[in-house]
Amino acid sequence: MGELRVAGLVRARRGSDGGYELAANPTDIDLGAILAAVGSPVALEHLELEGEPTAVADLWLALRGTVRDVLERVTLADLAGDTLPEDLRRLAQVEGAARPDG
């Protein structure tokens, strides 16, 4: 929770009913911000691309941008409401998307 607090996503509440609460509306908190706050490698931010051939570096940059785009478009409110933007829902239904091997 400390990382989320430092990132301004949650705030501490003091008192007998204290704890943490969201610092913004759930519609304004996207998954990309949450994962960045906790240092998750999911967004491929820590990839070292130096010395890679251009096509390989471009491939990883495209993947990084695509993952970031998806994560930044899905909010806590989307997940709480069991909804996704329609184009992302369609991507999830593409043939083979659910296969563990890609």
PDB file of N, CA and C in Angstrom:
ATOM      1  N   MET A   1       0.814  -1.193   0.000  1.00  0.00           N
ATOM      2  CA  MET A   1       0.000   0.000   0.000  1.00  0.00           C
ATOM      3  C   MET A   1       0.863   1.265   0.000  1.00  0.00           C
ATOM      4  N   GLY A   2       2.066   1.129   0.530  1.00  0.00           N
ATOM      5  CA  GLY A   2       2.951   2.290   0.579  1.00  0.00           C
ATOM      6  C   GLY A   2       3.246   2.854  -0.797  1.00  0.00           C
ATOM      7  N   GLU A   3       3.517   1.968  -1.749  1.00  0.00           N
ATOM      8  CA  GLU A   3       3.811   2.421  -3.112  1.00  0.00           C
ATOM      9  C   GLU A   3       2.596   3.108  -3.732  1.00  0.00           C
ATOM     10  N   LEU A   4       1.408   2.568  -3.478  1.00  0.00           N
ATOM     11  CA  LEU A   4       0.189   3.173  -4.005  1.00  0.00           C
ATOM     12  C   LEU A   4      -0.063   4.541  -3.377  1.00  0.00           C
ATOM     13  N   ARG A   5       0.281   4.683  -2.098  1.00  0.00           N
ATOM     14  CA  ARG A   5       0.122   5.967  -1.415  1.00  0.00           C
ATOM     15  C   ARG A   5       1.092   7.002  -1.977  1.00  0.00           C
ATOM     16  N   VAL A   6       2.349   6.589  -2.157  1.00  0.00           N
ATOM     17  CA  VAL A   6       3.351   7.503  -2.713  1.00  0.00           C
ATOM     18  C   VAL A   6       2.949   7.949  -4.119  1.00  0.00           C
ATOM     19  N   ALA A   7       2.347   7.061  -4.887  1.00  0.00           N
ATOM     20  CA  ALA A   7       1.912   7.394  -6.245  1.00  0.00           C
ATOM     21  C   ALA A   7       0.630   8.225  -6.257  1.00  0.00           C
ATOM     22  N   GLY A   8       0.025   8.440  -5.092  1.00  0.00           N
ATOM     23  CA  GLY A   8      -1.186   9.246  -5.009  1.00  0.00           C
ATOM     24  C   GLY A   8      -2.458   8.515  -5.395  1.00  0.00           C
ATOM     25  N   LEU A   9      -2.410   7.181  -5.394  1.00  0.00           N
ATOM     26  CA  LEU A   9      -3.584   6.398  -5.774  1.00  0.00           C
ATOM     27  C   LEU A   9      -4.479   6.064  -4.585  1.00  0.00           C
ATOM     28  N   VAL A  10      -3.883   5.969  -3.405  1.00  0.00           N
ATOM     29  CA  VAL A  10      -4.650   5.769  -2.178  1.00  0.00           C
ATOM     30  C   VAL A  10      -4.164   6.773  -1.145  1.00  0.00           C
ATOM     31  N   ARG A  11      -4.977   6.965  -0.128  1.00  0.00           N
ATOM     32  CA  ARG A  11      -4.557   7.828   0.973  1.00  0.00           C
ATOM     33  C   ARG A  11      -4.896   7.133   2.289  1.00  0.00           C
ATOM     34  N   ALA A  12      -4.083   7.417   3.288  1.00  0.00           N
ATOM     35  CA  ALA A  12      -4.307   6.840   4.607  1.00  0.00           C
ATOM     36  C   ALA A  12      -5.394   7.625   5.318  1.00  0.00           C
ATOM     37  N   ARG A  13      -6.182   6.889   6.079  1.00  0.00           N
ATOM     38  CA  ARG A  13      -7.250   7.496   6.868  1.00  0.00           C
ATOM     39  C   ARG A  13      -6.987   7.124   8.316  1.00  0.00           C
ATOM     40  N   ARG A  14      -6.889   8.106   9.166  1.00  0.00           N
ATOM     41  CA  ARG A  14      -6.595   7.864  10.585  1.00  0.00           C
ATOM     42  C   ARG A  14      -7.872   7.640  11.374  1.00  0.00           C
ATOM     43  N   GLY A  15      -7.693   7.119  12.562  1.00  0.00           N
ATOM     44  CA  GLY A  15      -8.825   6.964  13.467  1.00  0.00           C
ATOM     45  C   GLY A  15      -9.204   5.514  13.663  1.00  0.00           C
ATOM     46  N   SER A  16     -10.249   5.317  14.465  1.00  0.00           N
ATOM     47  CA  SER A  16     -10.661   3.958  14.804  1.00  0.00           C
ATOM     48  C   SER A  16     -11.150   3.188  13.585  1.00  0.00           C
ATOM     49  N   ASP A  17     -11.654   3.875  12.595  1.00  0.00           N
ATOM     50  CA  ASP A  17     -12.061   3.196  11.363  1.00  0.00           C
ATOM     51  C   ASP A  17     -11.058   3.473  10.249  1.00  0.00           C
ATOM     52  N   GLY A  18      -9.814   3.686  10.656  1.00  0.00           N
ATOM     53  CA  GLY A  18      -8.754   4.039   9.717  1.00  0.00           C
ATOM     54  C   GLY A  18      -8.379   2.914   8.770  1.00  0.00           C
ATOM     55  N   GLY A  19      -7.548   3.256   7.847  1.00  0.00           N
ATOM     56  CA  GLY A  19      -7.088   2.325   6.828  1.00  0.00           C
ATOM     57  C   GLY A  19      -6.710   3.111   5.592  1.00  0.00           C
ATOM     58  N   TYR A  20      -6.956   2.533   4.451  1.00  0.00           N
ATOM     59  CA  TYR A  20      -6.660   3.198   3.191  1.00  0.00           C
ATOM     60  C   TYR A  20      -7.935   3.338   2.378  1.00  0.00           C
ATOM     61  N   GLU A  21      -7.992   4.413   1.594  1.00  0.00           N
ATOM     62  CA  GLU A  21      -9.102   4.614   0.680  1.00  0.00           C
ATOM     63  C   GLU A  21      -8.543   5.146  -0.636  1.00  0.00           C
ATOM     64  N   LEU A  22      -9.297   4.985  -1.688  1.00  0.00           N
ATOM     65  CA  LEU A  22      -8.870   5.491  -2.983  1.00  0.00           C
ATOM     66  C   LEU A  22      -8.728   7.004  -2.913  1.00  0.00           C
ATOM     67  N   ALA A  23      -7.702   7.520  -3.558  1.00  0.00           N
ATOM     68  CA  ALA A  23      -7.463   8.961  -3.561  1.00  0.00           C
ATOM     69  C   ALA A  23      -8.180   9.645  -4.717  1.00  0.00           C
ATOM     70  N   ALA A  24      -8.794   8.856  -5.599  1.00  0.00           N
ATOM     71  CA  ALA A  24      -9.513   9.403  -6.748  1.00  0.00           C
ATOM     72  C   ALA A  24     -10.689   8.487  -7.051  1.00  0.00           C
ATOM     73  N   ASN A  25     -11.534   8.934  -7.929  1.00  0.00           N
ATOM     74  CA  ASN A  25     -12.650   8.131  -8.387  1.00  0.00           C
ATOM     75  C   ASN A  25     -12.110   6.897  -9.105  1.00  0.00           C
ATOM     76  N   PRO A  26     -12.712   5.724  -8.905  1.00  0.00           N
ATOM     77  CA  PRO A  26     -12.233   4.509  -9.579  1.00  0.00           C
ATOM     78  C   PRO A  26     -12.196   4.628 -11.109  1.00  0.00           C
ATOM     79  N   THR A  27     -12.999   5.518 -11.670  1.00  0.00           N
ATOM     80  CA  THR A  27     -12.966   5.712 -13.125  1.00  0.00           C
ATOM     81  C   THR A  27     -11.710   6.456 -13.564  1.00  0.00           C
ATOM     82  N   ASP A  28     -10.997   7.066 -12.604  1.00  0.00           N
ATOM     83  CA  ASP A  28      -9.792   7.827 -12.923  1.00  0.00           C
ATOM     84  C   ASP A  28      -8.506   7.077 -12.590  1.00  0.00           C
ATOM     85  N   ILE A  29      -8.624   5.860 -12.082  1.00  0.00           N
ATOM     86  CA  ILE A  29      -7.441   5.073 -11.719  1.00  0.00           C
ATOM     87  C   ILE A  29      -7.337   3.901 -12.689  1.00  0.00           C
ATOM     88  N   ASP A  30      -6.312   3.948 -13.543  1.00  0.00           N
ATOM     89  CA  ASP A  30      -6.159   2.871 -14.523  1.00  0.00           C
ATOM     90  C   ASP A  30      -5.136   1.842 -14.042  1.00  0.00           C
ATOM     91  N   LEU A  31      -5.215   0.670 -14.641  1.00  0.00           N
ATOM     92  CA  LEU A  31      -4.329  -0.424 -14.229  1.00  0.00           C
ATOM     93  C   LEU A  31      -2.867  -0.111 -14.492  1.00  0.00           C
ATOM     94  N   GLY A  32      -2.588   0.635 -15.538  1.00  0.00           N
ATOM     95  CA  GLY A  32      -1.202   1.018 -15.824  1.00  0.00           C
ATOM     96  C   GLY A  32      -0.594   1.795 -14.674  1.00  0.00           C
ATOM     97  N   ALA A  33      -1.355   2.715 -14.092  1.00  0.00           N
ATOM     98  CA  ALA A  33      -0.855   3.507 -12.965  1.00  0.00           C
ATOM     99  C   ALA A  33      -0.611   2.631 -11.743  1.00  0.00           C
ATOM    100  N   ILE A  34      -1.498   1.683 -11.514  1.00  0.00           N
ATOM    101  CA  ILE A  34      -1.332   0.783 -10.366  1.00  0.00           C
ATOM    102  C   ILE A  34      -0.089  -0.074 -10.535  1.00  0.00           C
ATOM    103  N   LEU A  35       0.061  -0.690 -11.710  1.00  0.00           N
ATOM    104  CA  LEU A  35       1.220  -1.552 -11.939  1.00  0.00           C
ATOM    105  C   LEU A  35       2.524  -0.768 -11.927  1.00  0.00           C
ATOM    106  N   ALA A  36       2.512   0.447 -12.456  1.00  0.00           N
ATOM    107  CA  ALA A  36       3.719   1.283 -12.411  1.00  0.00           C
ATOM    108  C   ALA A  36       4.071   1.630 -10.968  1.00  0.00           C
ATOM    109  N   ALA A  37       3.063   1.899 -10.138  1.00  0.00           N
ATOM    110  CA  ALA A  37       3.307   2.269  -8.741  1.00  0.00           C
ATOM    111  C   ALA A  37       3.956   1.141  -7.949  1.00  0.00           C
ATOM    112  N   VAL A  38       3.575  -0.087  -8.240  1.00  0.00           N
ATOM    113  CA  VAL A  38       4.130  -1.215  -7.486  1.00  0.00           C
ATOM    114  C   VAL A  38       5.351  -1.828  -8.173  1.00  0.00           C
ATOM    115  N   GLY A  39       5.778  -1.231  -9.274  1.00  0.00           N
ATOM    116  CA  GLY A  39       6.993  -1.685  -9.940  1.00  0.00           C
ATOM    117  C   GLY A  39       6.842  -2.989 -10.698  1.00  0.00           C
ATOM    118  N   SER A  40       5.639  -3.265 -11.193  1.00  0.00           N
ATOM    119  CA  SER A  40       5.403  -4.507 -11.924  1.00  0.00           C
ATOM    120  C   SER A  40       6.112  -4.498 -13.275  1.00  0.00           C
ATOM    121  N   PRO A  41       6.721  -5.607 -13.646  1.00  0.00           N
ATOM    122  CA  PRO A  41       7.367  -5.699 -14.958  1.00  0.00           C
ATOM    123  C   PRO A  41       6.383  -6.000 -16.089  1.00  0.00           C
ATOM    124  N   VAL A  42       5.086  -6.084 -15.786  1.00  0.00           N
ATOM    125  CA  VAL A  42       4.094  -6.455 -16.789  1.00  0.00           C
ATOM    126  C   VAL A  42       4.139  -5.520 -17.987  1.00  0.00           C
ATOM    127  N   ALA A  43       4.374  -4.250 -17.766  1.00  0.00           N
ATOM    128  CA  ALA A  43       4.364  -3.283 -18.860  1.00  0.00           C
ATOM    129  C   ALA A  43       5.662  -3.296 -19.661  1.00  0.00           C
ATOM    130  N   LEU A  44       6.555  -4.230 -19.379  1.00  0.00           N
ATOM    131  CA  LEU A  44       7.797  -4.413 -20.134  1.00  0.00           C
ATOM    132  C   LEU A  44       8.710  -3.194 -20.057  1.00  0.00           C
ATOM    133  N   GLU A  45       8.606  -2.429 -18.991  1.00  0.00           N
ATOM    134  CA  GLU A  45       9.390  -1.199 -18.870  1.00  0.00           C
ATOM    135  C   GLU A  45      10.881  -1.457 -18.664  1.00  0.00           C
ATOM    136  N   HIS A  46      11.216  -2.610 -18.135  1.00  0.00           N
ATOM    137  CA  HIS A  46      12.605  -2.852 -17.743  1.00  0.00           C
ATOM    138  C   HIS A  46      13.418  -3.578 -18.806  1.00  0.00           C
ATOM    139  N   LEU A  47      12.870  -3.705 -19.988  1.00  0.00           N
ATOM    140  CA  LEU A  47      13.605  -4.383 -21.049  1.00  0.00           C
ATOM    141  C   LEU A  47      14.784  -3.537 -21.486  1.00  0.00           C
ATOM    142  N   GLU A  48      15.919  -4.165 -21.610  1.00  0.00           N
ATOM    143  CA  GLU A  48      17.097  -3.491 -22.124  1.00  0.00           C
ATOM    144  C   GLU A  48      17.175  -3.776 -23.608  1.00  0.00           C
ATOM    145  N   LEU A  49      17.136  -2.749 -24.439  1.00  0.00           N
ATOM    146  CA  LEU A  49      17.097  -2.931 -25.878  1.00  0.00           C
ATOM    147  C   LEU A  49      18.400  -2.546 -26.567  1.00  0.00           C
ATOM    148  N   GLU A  50      19.381  -2.101 -25.816  1.00  0.00           N
ATOM    149  CA  GLU A  50      20.646  -1.691 -26.420  1.00  0.00           C
ATOM    150  C   GLU A  50      21.324  -2.879 -27.082  1.00  0.00           C
ATOM    151  N   GLY A  51      21.869  -2.652 -28.269  1.00  0.00           N
ATOM    152  CA  GLY A  51      22.605  -3.678 -28.972  1.00  0.00           C
ATOM    153  C   GLY A  51      21.736  -4.651 -29.752  1.00  0.00           C
ATOM    154  N   GLU A  52      20.414  -4.521 -29.630  1.00  0.00           N
ATOM    155  CA  GLU A  52      19.521  -5.410 -30.368  1.00  0.00           C
ATOM    156  C   GLU A  52      19.376  -4.909 -31.794  1.00  0.00           C
ATOM    157  N   PRO A  53      19.173  -5.828 -32.731  1.00  0.00           N
ATOM    158  CA  PRO A  53      18.874  -5.395 -34.100  1.00  0.00           C
ATOM    159  C   PRO A  53      17.616  -4.532 -34.111  1.00  0.00           C
ATOM    160  N   THR A  54      17.518  -3.646 -35.046  1.00  0.00           N
ATOM    161  CA  THR A  54      16.412  -2.704 -35.103  1.00  0.00           C
ATOM    162  C   THR A  54      15.052  -3.380 -35.098  1.00  0.00           C
ATOM    163  N   ALA A  55      14.869  -4.432 -35.870  1.00  0.00           N
ATOM    164  CA  ALA A  55      13.569  -5.100 -35.930  1.00  0.00           C
ATOM    165  C   ALA A  55      13.182  -5.677 -34.571  1.00  0.00           C
ATOM    166  N   VAL A  56      14.133  -6.238 -33.859  1.00  0.00           N
ATOM    167  CA  VAL A  56      13.846  -6.806 -32.537  1.00  0.00           C
ATOM    168  C   VAL A  56      13.496  -5.690 -31.551  1.00  0.00           C
ATOM    169  N   ALA A  57      14.262  -4.625 -31.557  1.00  0.00           N
ATOM    170  CA  ALA A  57      13.978  -3.497 -30.668  1.00  0.00           C
ATOM    171  C   ALA A  57      12.605  -2.905 -30.979  1.00  0.00           C
ATOM    172  N   ASP A  58      12.302  -2.760 -32.266  1.00  0.00           N
ATOM    173  CA  ASP A  58      10.997  -2.222 -32.649  1.00  0.00           C
ATOM    174  C   ASP A  58       9.863  -3.145 -32.217  1.00  0.00           C
ATOM    175  N   LEU A  59      10.073  -4.447 -32.323  1.00  0.00           N
ATOM    176  CA  LEU A  59       9.058  -5.404 -31.884  1.00  0.00           C
ATOM    177  C   LEU A  59       8.771  -5.226 -30.401  1.00  0.00           C
ATOM    178  N   TRP A  60       9.820  -5.168 -29.564  1.00  0.00           N
ATOM    179  CA  TRP A  60       9.618  -5.015 -28.131  1.00  0.00           C
ATOM    180  C   TRP A  60       8.988  -3.671 -27.788  1.00  0.00           C
ATOM    181  N   LEU A  61       9.375  -2.623 -28.519  1.00  0.00           N
ATOM    182  CA  LEU A  61       8.755  -1.317 -28.276  1.00  0.00           C
ATOM    183  C   LEU A  61       7.277  -1.343 -28.632  1.00  0.00           C
ATOM    184  N   ALA A  62       6.921  -2.029 -29.715  1.00  0.00           N
ATOM    185  CA  ALA A  62       5.516  -2.150 -30.106  1.00  0.00           C
ATOM    186  C   ALA A  62       4.736  -2.924 -29.050  1.00  0.00           C
ATOM    187  N   LEU A  63       5.316  -4.013 -28.551  1.00  0.00           N
ATOM    188  CA  LEU A  63       4.658  -4.786 -27.495  1.00  0.00           C
ATOM    189  C   LEU A  63       4.486  -3.954 -26.237  1.00  0.00           C
ATOM    190  N   ARG A  64       5.534  -3.247 -25.863  1.00  0.00           N
ATOM    191  CA  ARG A  64       5.485  -2.398 -24.671  1.00  0.00           C
ATOM    192  C   ARG A  64       4.375  -1.352 -24.809  1.00  0.00           C
ATOM    193  N   GLY A  65       4.313  -0.702 -25.961  1.00  0.00           N
ATOM    194  CA  GLY A  65       3.294   0.315 -26.187  1.00  0.00           C
ATOM    195  C   GLY A  65       1.890  -0.260 -26.177  1.00  0.00           C
ATOM    196  N   THR A  66       1.724  -1.449 -26.748  1.00  0.00           N
ATOM    197  CA  THR A  66       0.408  -2.085 -26.794  1.00  0.00           C
ATOM    198  C   THR A  66      -0.051  -2.484 -25.399  1.00  0.00           C
ATOM    199  N   VAL A  67       0.831  -3.093 -24.626  1.00  0.00           N
ATOM    200  CA  VAL A  67       0.489  -3.480 -23.252  1.00  0.00           C
ATOM    201  C   VAL A  67       0.141  -2.239 -22.440  1.00  0.00           C
ATOM    202  N   ARG A  68       0.958  -1.194 -22.565  1.00  0.00           N
ATOM    203  CA  ARG A  68       0.701   0.041 -21.826  1.00  0.00           C
ATOM    204  C   ARG A  68      -0.644   0.634 -22.232  1.00  0.00           C
ATOM    205  N   ASP A  69      -0.947   0.635 -23.532  1.00  0.00           N
ATOM    206  CA  ASP A  69      -2.215   1.180 -24.013  1.00  0.00           C
ATOM    207  C   ASP A  69      -3.396   0.442 -23.392  1.00  0.00           C
ATOM    208  N   VAL A  70      -3.336  -0.877 -23.373  1.00  0.00           N
ATOM    209  CA  VAL A  70      -4.438  -1.658 -22.804  1.00  0.00           C
ATOM    210  C   VAL A  70      -4.575  -1.368 -21.313  1.00  0.00           C
ATOM    211  N   LEU A  71      -3.474  -1.401 -20.586  1.00  0.00           N
ATOM    212  CA  LEU A  71      -3.518  -1.189 -19.143  1.00  0.00           C
ATOM    213  C   LEU A  71      -4.003   0.207 -18.781  1.00  0.00           C
ATOM    214  N   GLU A  72      -3.665   1.204 -19.585  1.00  0.00           N
ATOM    215  CA  GLU A  72      -4.074   2.573 -19.284  1.00  0.00           C
ATOM    216  C   GLU A  72      -5.527   2.849 -19.655  1.00  0.00           C
ATOM    217  N   ARG A  73      -6.151   1.943 -20.404  1.00  0.00           N
ATOM    218  CA  ARG A  73      -7.545   2.133 -20.801  1.00  0.00           C
ATOM    219  C   ARG A  73      -8.530   1.383 -19.920  1.00  0.00           C
ATOM    220  N   VAL A  74      -8.027   0.525 -19.041  1.00  0.00           N
ATOM    221  CA  VAL A  74      -8.894  -0.233 -18.141  1.00  0.00           C
ATOM    222  C   VAL A  74      -8.753   0.361 -16.741  1.00  0.00           C
ATOM    223  N   THR A  75      -9.885   0.709 -16.147  1.00  0.00           N
ATOM    224  CA  THR A  75      -9.879   1.346 -14.828  1.00  0.00           C
ATOM    225  C   THR A  75     -10.381   0.387 -13.754  1.00  0.00           C
ATOM    226  N   LEU A  76     -10.191   0.809 -12.513  1.00  0.00           N
ATOM    227  CA  LEU A  76     -10.759   0.045 -11.397  1.00  0.00           C
ATOM    228  C   LEU A  76     -12.272  -0.063 -11.528  1.00  0.00           C
ATOM    229  N   ALA A  77     -12.908   0.992 -12.000  1.00  0.00           N
ATOM    230  CA  ALA A  77     -14.360   0.967 -12.171  1.00  0.00           C
ATOM    231  C   ALA A  77     -14.764  -0.071 -13.219  1.00  0.00           C
ATOM    232  N   ASP A  78     -13.979  -0.201 -14.288  1.00  0.00           N
ATOM    233  CA  ASP A  78     -14.263  -1.226 -15.295  1.00  0.00           C
ATOM    234  C   ASP A  78     -14.252  -2.610 -14.659  1.00  0.00           C
ATOM    235  N   LEU A  79     -13.214  -2.890 -13.886  1.00  0.00           N
ATOM    236  CA  LEU A  79     -13.101  -4.216 -13.270  1.00  0.00           C
ATOM    237  C   LEU A  79     -14.182  -4.448 -12.231  1.00  0.00           C
ATOM    238  N   ALA A  80     -14.460  -3.434 -11.435  1.00  0.00           N
ATOM    239  CA  ALA A  80     -15.510  -3.577 -10.419  1.00  0.00           C
ATOM    240  C   ALA A  80     -16.872  -3.806 -11.070  1.00  0.00           C
ATOM    241  N   GLY A  81     -17.084  -3.210 -12.227  1.00  0.00           N
ATOM    242  CA  GLY A  81     -18.348  -3.373 -12.930  1.00  0.00           C
ATOM    243  C   GLY A  81     -18.349  -4.530 -13.911  1.00  0.00           C
ATOM    244  N   ASP A  82     -17.269  -5.305 -13.920  1.00  0.00           N
ATOM    245  CA  ASP A  82     -17.119  -6.448 -14.824  1.00  0.00           C
ATOM    246  C   ASP A  82     -17.323  -6.037 -16.283  1.00  0.00           C
ATOM    247  N   THR A  83     -16.736  -4.896 -16.641  1.00  0.00           N
ATOM    248  CA  THR A  83     -16.833  -4.400 -18.004  1.00  0.00           C
ATOM    249  C   THR A  83     -15.442  -4.072 -18.541  1.00  0.00           C
ATOM    250  N   LEU A  84     -15.346  -4.031 -19.837  1.00  0.00           N
ATOM    251  CA  LEU A  84     -14.142  -3.576 -20.528  1.00  0.00           C
ATOM    252  C   LEU A  84     -14.584  -2.716 -21.697  1.00  0.00           C
ATOM    253  N   PRO A  85     -13.705  -1.820 -22.169  1.00  0.00           N
ATOM    254  CA  PRO A  85     -14.033  -1.134 -23.413  1.00  0.00           C
ATOM    255  C   PRO A  85     -14.318  -2.191 -24.496  1.00  0.00           C
ATOM    256  N   GLU A  86     -15.289  -1.917 -25.328  1.00  0.00           N
ATOM    257  CA  GLU A  86     -15.768  -2.902 -26.306  1.00  0.00           C
ATOM    258  C   GLU A  86     -14.654  -3.436 -27.199  1.00  0.00           C
ATOM    259  N   ASP A  87     -13.740  -2.577 -27.665  1.00  0.00           N
ATOM    260  CA  ASP A  87     -12.674  -3.073 -28.544  1.00  0.00           C
ATOM    261  C   ASP A  87     -11.740  -4.028 -27.811  1.00  0.00           C
ATOM    262  N   LEU A  88     -11.535  -3.831 -26.511  1.00  0.00           N
ATOM    263  CA  LEU A  88     -10.700  -4.767 -25.747  1.00  0.00           C
ATOM    264  C   LEU A  88     -11.437  -6.085 -25.529  1.00  0.00           C
ATOM    265  N   ARG A  89     -12.732  -6.016 -25.308  1.00  0.00           N
ATOM    266  CA  ARG A  89     -13.521  -7.243 -25.162  1.00  0.00           C
ATOM    267  C   ARG A  89     -13.442  -8.062 -26.457  1.00  0.00           C
ATOM    268  N   ARG A  90     -13.503  -7.385 -27.604  1.00  0.00           N
ATOM    269  CA  ARG A  90     -13.384  -8.092 -28.888  1.00  0.00           C
ATOM    270  C   ARG A  90     -12.003  -8.738 -29.028  1.00  0.00           C
ATOM    271  N   LEU A  91     -10.955  -8.046 -28.603  1.00  0.00           N
ATOM    272  CA  LEU A  91      -9.614  -8.628 -28.666  1.00  0.00           C
ATOM    273  C   LEU A  91      -9.523  -9.904 -27.836  1.00  0.00           C
ATOM    274  N   ALA A  92     -10.186  -9.902 -26.696  1.00  0.00           N
ATOM    275  CA  ALA A  92     -10.162 -11.076 -25.817  1.00  0.00           C
ATOM    276  C   ALA A  92     -10.902 -12.263 -26.429  1.00  0.00           C
ATOM    277  N   GLN A  93     -11.756 -11.994 -27.418  1.00  0.00           N
ATOM    278  CA  GLN A  93     -12.547 -13.061 -28.028  1.00  0.00           C
ATOM    279  C   GLN A  93     -11.987 -13.531 -29.360  1.00  0.00           C
ATOM    280  N   VAL A  94     -10.845 -12.980 -29.772  1.00  0.00           N
ATOM    281  CA  VAL A  94     -10.215 -13.423 -31.014  1.00  0.00           C
ATOM    282  C   VAL A  94      -9.819 -14.880 -30.883  1.00  0.00           C
ATOM    283  N   GLU A  95     -10.023 -15.637 -31.938  1.00  0.00           N
ATOM    284  CA  GLU A  95      -9.699 -17.068 -31.902  1.00  0.00           C
ATOM    285  C   GLU A  95      -8.251 -17.266 -31.464  1.00  0.00           C
ATOM    286  N   GLY A  96      -8.062 -18.133 -30.497  1.00  0.00           N
ATOM    287  CA  GLY A  96      -6.736 -18.458 -29.991  1.00  0.00           C
ATOM    288  C   GLY A  96      -6.260 -17.557 -28.860  1.00  0.00           C
ATOM    289  N   ALA A  97      -6.988 -16.478 -28.553  1.00  0.00           N
ATOM    290  CA  ALA A  97      -6.534 -15.547 -27.511  1.00  0.00           C
ATOM    291  C   ALA A  97      -6.429 -16.224 -26.146  1.00  0.00           C
ATOM    292  N   ALA A  98      -7.268 -17.202 -25.879  1.00  0.00           N
ATOM    293  CA  ALA A  98      -7.286 -17.853 -24.566  1.00  0.00           C
ATOM    294  C   ALA A  98      -6.263 -18.981 -24.450  1.00  0.00           C
ATOM    295  N   ARG A  99      -5.640 -19.356 -25.550  1.00  0.00           N
ATOM    296  CA  ARG A  99      -4.655 -20.436 -25.482  1.00  0.00           C
ATOM    297  C   ARG A  99      -3.459 -20.006 -24.664  1.00  0.00           C
ATOM    298  N   PRO A 100      -2.989 -20.829 -23.740  1.00  0.00           N
ATOM    299  CA  PRO A 100      -1.845 -20.442 -22.922  1.00  0.00           C
ATOM    300  C   PRO A 100      -0.563 -20.272 -23.718  1.00  0.00           C
ATOM    301  N   ASP A 101      -0.474 -20.904 -24.875  1.00  0.00           N
ATOM    302  CA  ASP A 101       0.742 -20.787 -25.677  1.00  0.00           C
ATOM    303  C   ASP A 101       0.622 -19.708 -26.737  1.00  0.00           C
ATOM    304  N   GLY A 102      -0.390 -18.860 -26.618  1.00  0.00           N
ATOM    305  CA  GLY A 102      -0.494 -17.718 -27.510  1.00  0.00           C
ATOM    306  C   GLY A 102      -1.528 -17.838 -28.529  1.00  0.00           C
TER     307      GLY A 102
END
